[in-house]
N, C-alpha and C. Protein backbone atom coordinates (compact mmCIF):
# COMPACT_ATOMS: atom_id res chain seq x y z
N MET A 1 45.65 -47.11 5.54
CA MET A 1 45.77 -46.56 4.21
C MET A 1 44.78 -45.41 4.07
N HIS A 2 45.30 -44.26 3.69
CA HIS A 2 44.47 -43.07 3.52
C HIS A 2 44.08 -42.91 2.07
N ARG A 3 42.81 -42.55 1.88
CA ARG A 3 42.35 -42.29 0.51
C ARG A 3 42.38 -40.79 0.26
N ARG A 4 42.76 -40.47 -0.89
CA ARG A 4 42.83 -39.08 -1.29
C ARG A 4 41.49 -38.62 -1.85
N ALA A 5 41.08 -37.39 -1.49
CA ALA A 5 39.84 -36.83 -2.04
C ALA A 5 40.05 -36.51 -3.51
N PRO A 6 39.02 -36.71 -4.32
CA PRO A 6 39.18 -36.39 -5.75
C PRO A 6 39.41 -34.89 -5.94
N ALA A 7 40.23 -34.58 -6.91
CA ALA A 7 40.55 -33.17 -7.20
C ALA A 7 39.34 -32.48 -7.81
N LEU A 8 39.11 -31.24 -7.40
CA LEU A 8 38.03 -30.45 -7.97
C LEU A 8 38.48 -29.86 -9.29
N ARG A 9 37.59 -29.90 -10.26
CA ARG A 9 37.92 -29.32 -11.56
C ARG A 9 37.25 -27.96 -11.64
N ILE A 10 38.03 -26.93 -11.79
CA ILE A 10 37.51 -25.56 -11.91
C ILE A 10 37.49 -25.20 -13.39
N PRO A 11 36.30 -24.80 -13.89
CA PRO A 11 36.23 -24.47 -15.31
C PRO A 11 37.06 -23.23 -15.65
N THR A 12 37.65 -23.25 -16.80
CA THR A 12 38.45 -22.11 -17.26
C THR A 12 37.53 -21.02 -17.78
N ALA A 13 38.08 -19.84 -17.97
CA ALA A 13 37.30 -18.72 -18.51
C ALA A 13 36.78 -19.07 -19.90
N ALA A 14 37.56 -19.77 -20.70
CA ALA A 14 37.13 -20.16 -22.04
C ALA A 14 35.94 -21.11 -21.97
N ALA A 15 35.96 -22.04 -21.02
CA ALA A 15 34.84 -22.98 -20.87
C ALA A 15 33.58 -22.24 -20.43
N LEU A 16 33.73 -21.30 -19.51
CA LEU A 16 32.57 -20.52 -19.06
C LEU A 16 32.00 -19.67 -20.20
N LEU A 17 32.87 -19.10 -21.01
CA LEU A 17 32.42 -18.31 -22.15
C LEU A 17 31.68 -19.18 -23.16
N ALA A 18 32.18 -20.37 -23.40
CA ALA A 18 31.52 -21.29 -24.34
C ALA A 18 30.13 -21.67 -23.83
N ILE A 19 29.99 -21.88 -22.54
CA ILE A 19 28.69 -22.21 -21.95
C ILE A 19 27.74 -21.03 -22.10
N ALA A 20 28.23 -19.84 -21.83
CA ALA A 20 27.39 -18.64 -21.92
C ALA A 20 26.93 -18.40 -23.36
N LEU A 21 27.82 -18.62 -24.33
CA LEU A 21 27.47 -18.40 -25.73
C LEU A 21 26.53 -19.47 -26.25
N ALA A 22 26.57 -20.66 -25.67
CA ALA A 22 25.71 -21.76 -26.12
C ALA A 22 24.30 -21.65 -25.56
N ALA A 23 24.11 -20.85 -24.51
CA ALA A 23 22.79 -20.71 -23.90
C ALA A 23 21.84 -20.03 -24.88
N PRO A 24 20.60 -20.51 -24.95
CA PRO A 24 19.64 -19.87 -25.87
C PRO A 24 19.30 -18.46 -25.40
N ALA A 25 19.17 -17.57 -26.35
CA ALA A 25 18.83 -16.18 -26.02
C ALA A 25 17.32 -16.07 -25.83
N ALA A 26 16.91 -15.31 -24.83
CA ALA A 26 15.49 -15.09 -24.58
C ALA A 26 14.96 -14.11 -25.61
N ALA A 27 13.75 -14.35 -26.07
CA ALA A 27 13.13 -13.43 -27.02
C ALA A 27 12.72 -12.15 -26.31
N PRO A 28 13.00 -11.00 -26.89
CA PRO A 28 12.63 -9.75 -26.23
C PRO A 28 11.11 -9.60 -26.18
N ALA A 29 10.61 -9.13 -25.03
CA ALA A 29 9.18 -8.95 -24.84
C ALA A 29 8.76 -7.53 -25.15
N GLU A 30 9.71 -6.68 -25.48
CA GLU A 30 9.42 -5.28 -25.71
C GLU A 30 10.44 -4.71 -26.67
N PRO A 31 10.24 -3.49 -27.14
CA PRO A 31 11.20 -2.91 -28.08
C PRO A 31 12.61 -2.87 -27.48
N SER A 32 13.61 -3.12 -28.32
CA SER A 32 14.98 -3.10 -27.83
C SER A 32 15.45 -1.67 -27.60
N SER A 33 16.39 -1.52 -26.67
CA SER A 33 16.92 -0.19 -26.39
C SER A 33 18.31 -0.07 -27.00
N ARG A 34 18.85 1.12 -27.01
CA ARG A 34 20.16 1.37 -27.58
C ARG A 34 21.24 1.02 -26.57
N THR A 35 22.37 0.57 -27.09
CA THR A 35 23.50 0.25 -26.23
C THR A 35 24.53 1.36 -26.32
N GLN A 36 24.92 1.89 -25.17
CA GLN A 36 25.94 2.92 -25.11
C GLN A 36 25.62 4.07 -26.07
N ALA A 37 24.36 4.39 -26.22
CA ALA A 37 23.96 5.43 -27.15
C ALA A 37 23.75 6.74 -26.43
N ALA A 38 24.37 7.78 -26.93
CA ALA A 38 24.13 9.11 -26.38
C ALA A 38 23.30 9.86 -27.41
N ILE A 39 22.14 10.37 -26.99
CA ILE A 39 21.27 11.07 -27.91
C ILE A 39 21.10 12.50 -27.42
N PRO A 40 20.76 13.42 -28.33
CA PRO A 40 20.56 14.80 -27.91
C PRO A 40 19.42 14.89 -26.90
N LEU A 41 19.60 15.68 -25.87
CA LEU A 41 18.59 15.82 -24.83
C LEU A 41 17.62 16.94 -25.17
N ASP A 42 16.35 16.64 -25.09
CA ASP A 42 15.29 17.60 -25.35
C ASP A 42 14.96 18.33 -24.05
N ARG A 43 14.98 19.65 -24.08
CA ARG A 43 14.69 20.45 -22.87
C ARG A 43 13.28 20.21 -22.36
N GLY A 44 12.34 19.81 -23.24
CA GLY A 44 10.98 19.55 -22.82
C GLY A 44 10.72 18.06 -22.57
N ALA A 45 11.79 17.29 -22.41
CA ALA A 45 11.67 15.85 -22.23
C ALA A 45 10.88 15.51 -20.96
N PRO A 46 10.05 14.45 -21.02
CA PRO A 46 9.24 14.09 -19.86
C PRO A 46 10.07 13.75 -18.62
N TRP A 47 11.31 13.28 -18.80
CA TRP A 47 12.11 12.90 -17.63
C TRP A 47 12.52 14.12 -16.81
N ARG A 48 12.39 15.30 -17.36
CA ARG A 48 12.70 16.52 -16.61
C ARG A 48 11.57 16.93 -15.66
N ASN A 49 10.41 16.32 -15.81
CA ASN A 49 9.26 16.63 -14.98
C ASN A 49 9.25 15.71 -13.74
N PRO A 50 9.29 16.27 -12.51
CA PRO A 50 9.29 15.43 -11.30
C PRO A 50 8.06 14.53 -11.20
N GLU A 51 6.95 14.95 -11.78
CA GLU A 51 5.73 14.13 -11.74
C GLU A 51 5.93 12.82 -12.51
N SER A 52 6.71 12.86 -13.57
CA SER A 52 7.00 11.63 -14.33
C SER A 52 7.72 10.62 -13.45
N TRP A 53 8.68 11.08 -12.66
CA TRP A 53 9.43 10.17 -11.78
C TRP A 53 8.54 9.58 -10.70
N ARG A 54 7.52 10.29 -10.28
CA ARG A 54 6.60 9.77 -9.25
C ARG A 54 5.72 8.65 -9.78
N GLN A 55 5.62 8.52 -11.09
CA GLN A 55 4.82 7.46 -11.69
C GLN A 55 5.55 6.12 -11.73
N LEU A 56 6.86 6.13 -11.52
CA LEU A 56 7.65 4.89 -11.60
C LEU A 56 7.30 3.95 -10.46
N ARG A 57 7.32 2.64 -10.77
CA ARG A 57 7.07 1.60 -9.79
C ARG A 57 8.04 0.45 -10.02
N ILE A 58 8.51 -0.15 -8.95
CA ILE A 58 9.37 -1.33 -9.05
C ILE A 58 8.64 -2.40 -9.87
N GLY A 59 9.37 -3.04 -10.78
CA GLY A 59 8.79 -4.11 -11.59
C GLY A 59 8.25 -3.66 -12.93
N MET A 60 8.26 -2.35 -13.21
CA MET A 60 7.81 -1.86 -14.51
C MET A 60 8.74 -2.36 -15.61
N SER A 61 8.18 -2.55 -16.81
CA SER A 61 9.00 -2.97 -17.94
C SER A 61 9.77 -1.77 -18.51
N ARG A 62 10.78 -2.07 -19.31
CA ARG A 62 11.53 -1.00 -19.98
C ARG A 62 10.60 -0.15 -20.84
N TYR A 63 9.69 -0.82 -21.51
CA TYR A 63 8.76 -0.12 -22.39
C TYR A 63 7.90 0.87 -21.60
N ASP A 64 7.38 0.45 -20.43
CA ASP A 64 6.57 1.35 -19.60
C ASP A 64 7.37 2.57 -19.16
N VAL A 65 8.61 2.34 -18.75
CA VAL A 65 9.47 3.44 -18.31
C VAL A 65 9.77 4.37 -19.48
N LEU A 66 10.01 3.81 -20.65
CA LEU A 66 10.28 4.61 -21.84
C LEU A 66 9.08 5.50 -22.17
N ARG A 67 7.87 4.97 -22.03
CA ARG A 67 6.66 5.77 -22.28
C ARG A 67 6.53 6.92 -21.28
N ILE A 68 6.94 6.70 -20.03
CA ILE A 68 6.79 7.72 -19.00
C ILE A 68 7.89 8.77 -19.07
N LEU A 69 9.14 8.34 -19.21
CA LEU A 69 10.28 9.26 -19.13
C LEU A 69 10.86 9.67 -20.48
N GLY A 70 10.59 8.92 -21.53
CA GLY A 70 11.21 9.21 -22.81
C GLY A 70 12.57 8.53 -22.92
N GLU A 71 13.25 8.81 -24.02
CA GLU A 71 14.56 8.20 -24.29
C GLU A 71 15.61 8.59 -23.26
N PRO A 72 16.39 7.62 -22.77
CA PRO A 72 17.49 7.96 -21.85
C PRO A 72 18.65 8.59 -22.62
N GLY A 73 19.51 9.29 -21.90
CA GLY A 73 20.69 9.87 -22.52
C GLY A 73 21.75 8.83 -22.78
N LYS A 74 21.78 7.76 -21.96
CA LYS A 74 22.79 6.72 -22.09
C LYS A 74 22.22 5.41 -21.55
N VAL A 75 22.52 4.31 -22.25
CA VAL A 75 22.12 2.97 -21.81
C VAL A 75 23.38 2.12 -21.73
N THR A 76 23.59 1.46 -20.59
CA THR A 76 24.75 0.59 -20.42
C THR A 76 24.27 -0.76 -19.93
N ARG A 77 24.72 -1.83 -20.59
CA ARG A 77 24.37 -3.18 -20.16
C ARG A 77 25.52 -3.79 -19.38
N TYR A 78 25.21 -4.33 -18.21
CA TYR A 78 26.17 -5.03 -17.38
C TYR A 78 25.80 -6.51 -17.38
N TYR A 79 26.54 -7.32 -16.65
CA TYR A 79 26.30 -8.77 -16.64
C TYR A 79 24.88 -9.11 -16.18
N ALA A 80 24.43 -8.55 -15.07
CA ALA A 80 23.14 -8.94 -14.50
C ALA A 80 22.10 -7.82 -14.51
N PHE A 81 22.43 -6.67 -15.08
CA PHE A 81 21.44 -5.59 -15.11
C PHE A 81 21.77 -4.60 -16.22
N GLU A 82 20.81 -3.71 -16.47
CA GLU A 82 20.97 -2.66 -17.47
C GLU A 82 20.70 -1.33 -16.79
N ARG A 83 21.52 -0.32 -17.10
CA ARG A 83 21.36 1.01 -16.48
C ARG A 83 21.00 2.03 -17.55
N TRP A 84 19.96 2.82 -17.23
CA TRP A 84 19.60 3.97 -18.07
C TRP A 84 19.94 5.21 -17.30
N GLU A 85 20.57 6.18 -17.97
CA GLU A 85 20.92 7.44 -17.32
C GLU A 85 20.26 8.60 -18.04
N TYR A 86 19.69 9.48 -17.24
CA TYR A 86 19.07 10.71 -17.73
C TYR A 86 19.88 11.87 -17.16
N PRO A 87 20.98 12.25 -17.83
CA PRO A 87 21.90 13.23 -17.26
C PRO A 87 21.36 14.65 -17.28
N ASP A 88 21.45 15.29 -16.17
CA ASP A 88 21.22 16.72 -16.03
C ASP A 88 21.94 17.12 -14.75
N ALA A 89 21.55 18.20 -14.12
CA ALA A 89 22.22 18.65 -12.90
C ALA A 89 22.12 17.59 -11.80
N LEU A 90 21.03 16.80 -11.78
CA LEU A 90 20.86 15.79 -10.74
C LEU A 90 21.46 14.44 -11.12
N GLY A 91 21.52 14.12 -12.41
CA GLY A 91 22.09 12.85 -12.84
C GLY A 91 21.25 11.66 -12.44
N GLU A 92 19.99 11.63 -12.82
CA GLU A 92 19.11 10.50 -12.48
C GLU A 92 19.49 9.26 -13.28
N ARG A 93 19.29 8.09 -12.65
CA ARG A 93 19.54 6.82 -13.33
C ARG A 93 18.53 5.79 -12.88
N LEU A 94 18.35 4.75 -13.70
CA LEU A 94 17.48 3.63 -13.39
C LEU A 94 18.21 2.34 -13.70
N ASP A 95 17.95 1.30 -12.93
CA ASP A 95 18.52 -0.02 -13.20
C ASP A 95 17.38 -1.00 -13.43
N PHE A 96 17.58 -1.85 -14.44
CA PHE A 96 16.63 -2.91 -14.76
C PHE A 96 17.31 -4.25 -14.50
N ASP A 97 16.57 -5.22 -13.95
CA ASP A 97 17.14 -6.53 -13.67
C ASP A 97 17.29 -7.34 -14.95
N GLU A 98 17.74 -8.60 -14.82
CA GLU A 98 17.98 -9.45 -15.99
C GLU A 98 16.70 -9.77 -16.76
N ARG A 99 15.52 -9.59 -16.16
CA ARG A 99 14.25 -9.80 -16.84
C ARG A 99 13.75 -8.53 -17.53
N GLY A 100 14.48 -7.42 -17.37
CA GLY A 100 14.07 -6.17 -17.98
C GLY A 100 13.05 -5.41 -17.17
N ARG A 101 13.02 -5.67 -15.87
CA ARG A 101 12.07 -5.01 -14.97
C ARG A 101 12.81 -3.99 -14.11
N LEU A 102 12.17 -2.84 -13.88
CA LEU A 102 12.77 -1.77 -13.08
C LEU A 102 13.03 -2.27 -11.67
N SER A 103 14.27 -2.11 -11.21
CA SER A 103 14.63 -2.60 -9.87
C SER A 103 14.99 -1.47 -8.92
N VAL A 104 15.56 -0.37 -9.44
CA VAL A 104 15.94 0.74 -8.57
C VAL A 104 16.13 1.99 -9.43
N TRP A 105 15.91 3.16 -8.82
CA TRP A 105 16.21 4.41 -9.51
C TRP A 105 16.55 5.46 -8.48
N GLY A 106 17.27 6.50 -8.92
CA GLY A 106 17.66 7.57 -8.02
C GLY A 106 18.73 8.44 -8.63
N VAL A 107 19.33 9.25 -7.79
CA VAL A 107 20.35 10.20 -8.20
C VAL A 107 21.71 9.50 -8.19
N LEU A 108 22.51 9.77 -9.21
CA LEU A 108 23.86 9.22 -9.27
C LEU A 108 24.70 9.73 -8.11
N ALA A 109 25.50 8.87 -7.55
CA ALA A 109 26.42 9.29 -6.49
C ALA A 109 27.50 10.18 -7.08
N ARG A 110 27.87 11.20 -6.38
CA ARG A 110 28.91 12.12 -6.87
C ARG A 110 30.12 12.07 -5.97
């Protein structure tokens, strides 16, 4: 007599969404940033200075980066990270991890 293995239950998208919405939200440790916000770019903005970019370090907070580079031109939140873009001829961008720490930065791929 053969025994059958128990069937695996795969959660539905609705169940996963309910779990995600029920999770407690972490309190922000720094000022909140704008979502999908496009702001006028200042020609004298600190992000246009190459020396400002040399001050960046992996693990910096959003607030520290904001103090060094100024307001980004665009902020986009993804599932596991947040991207700040400083658009100009080079198209610089930065990514922050789920803890709000700088994880990578560089030129946008074209």
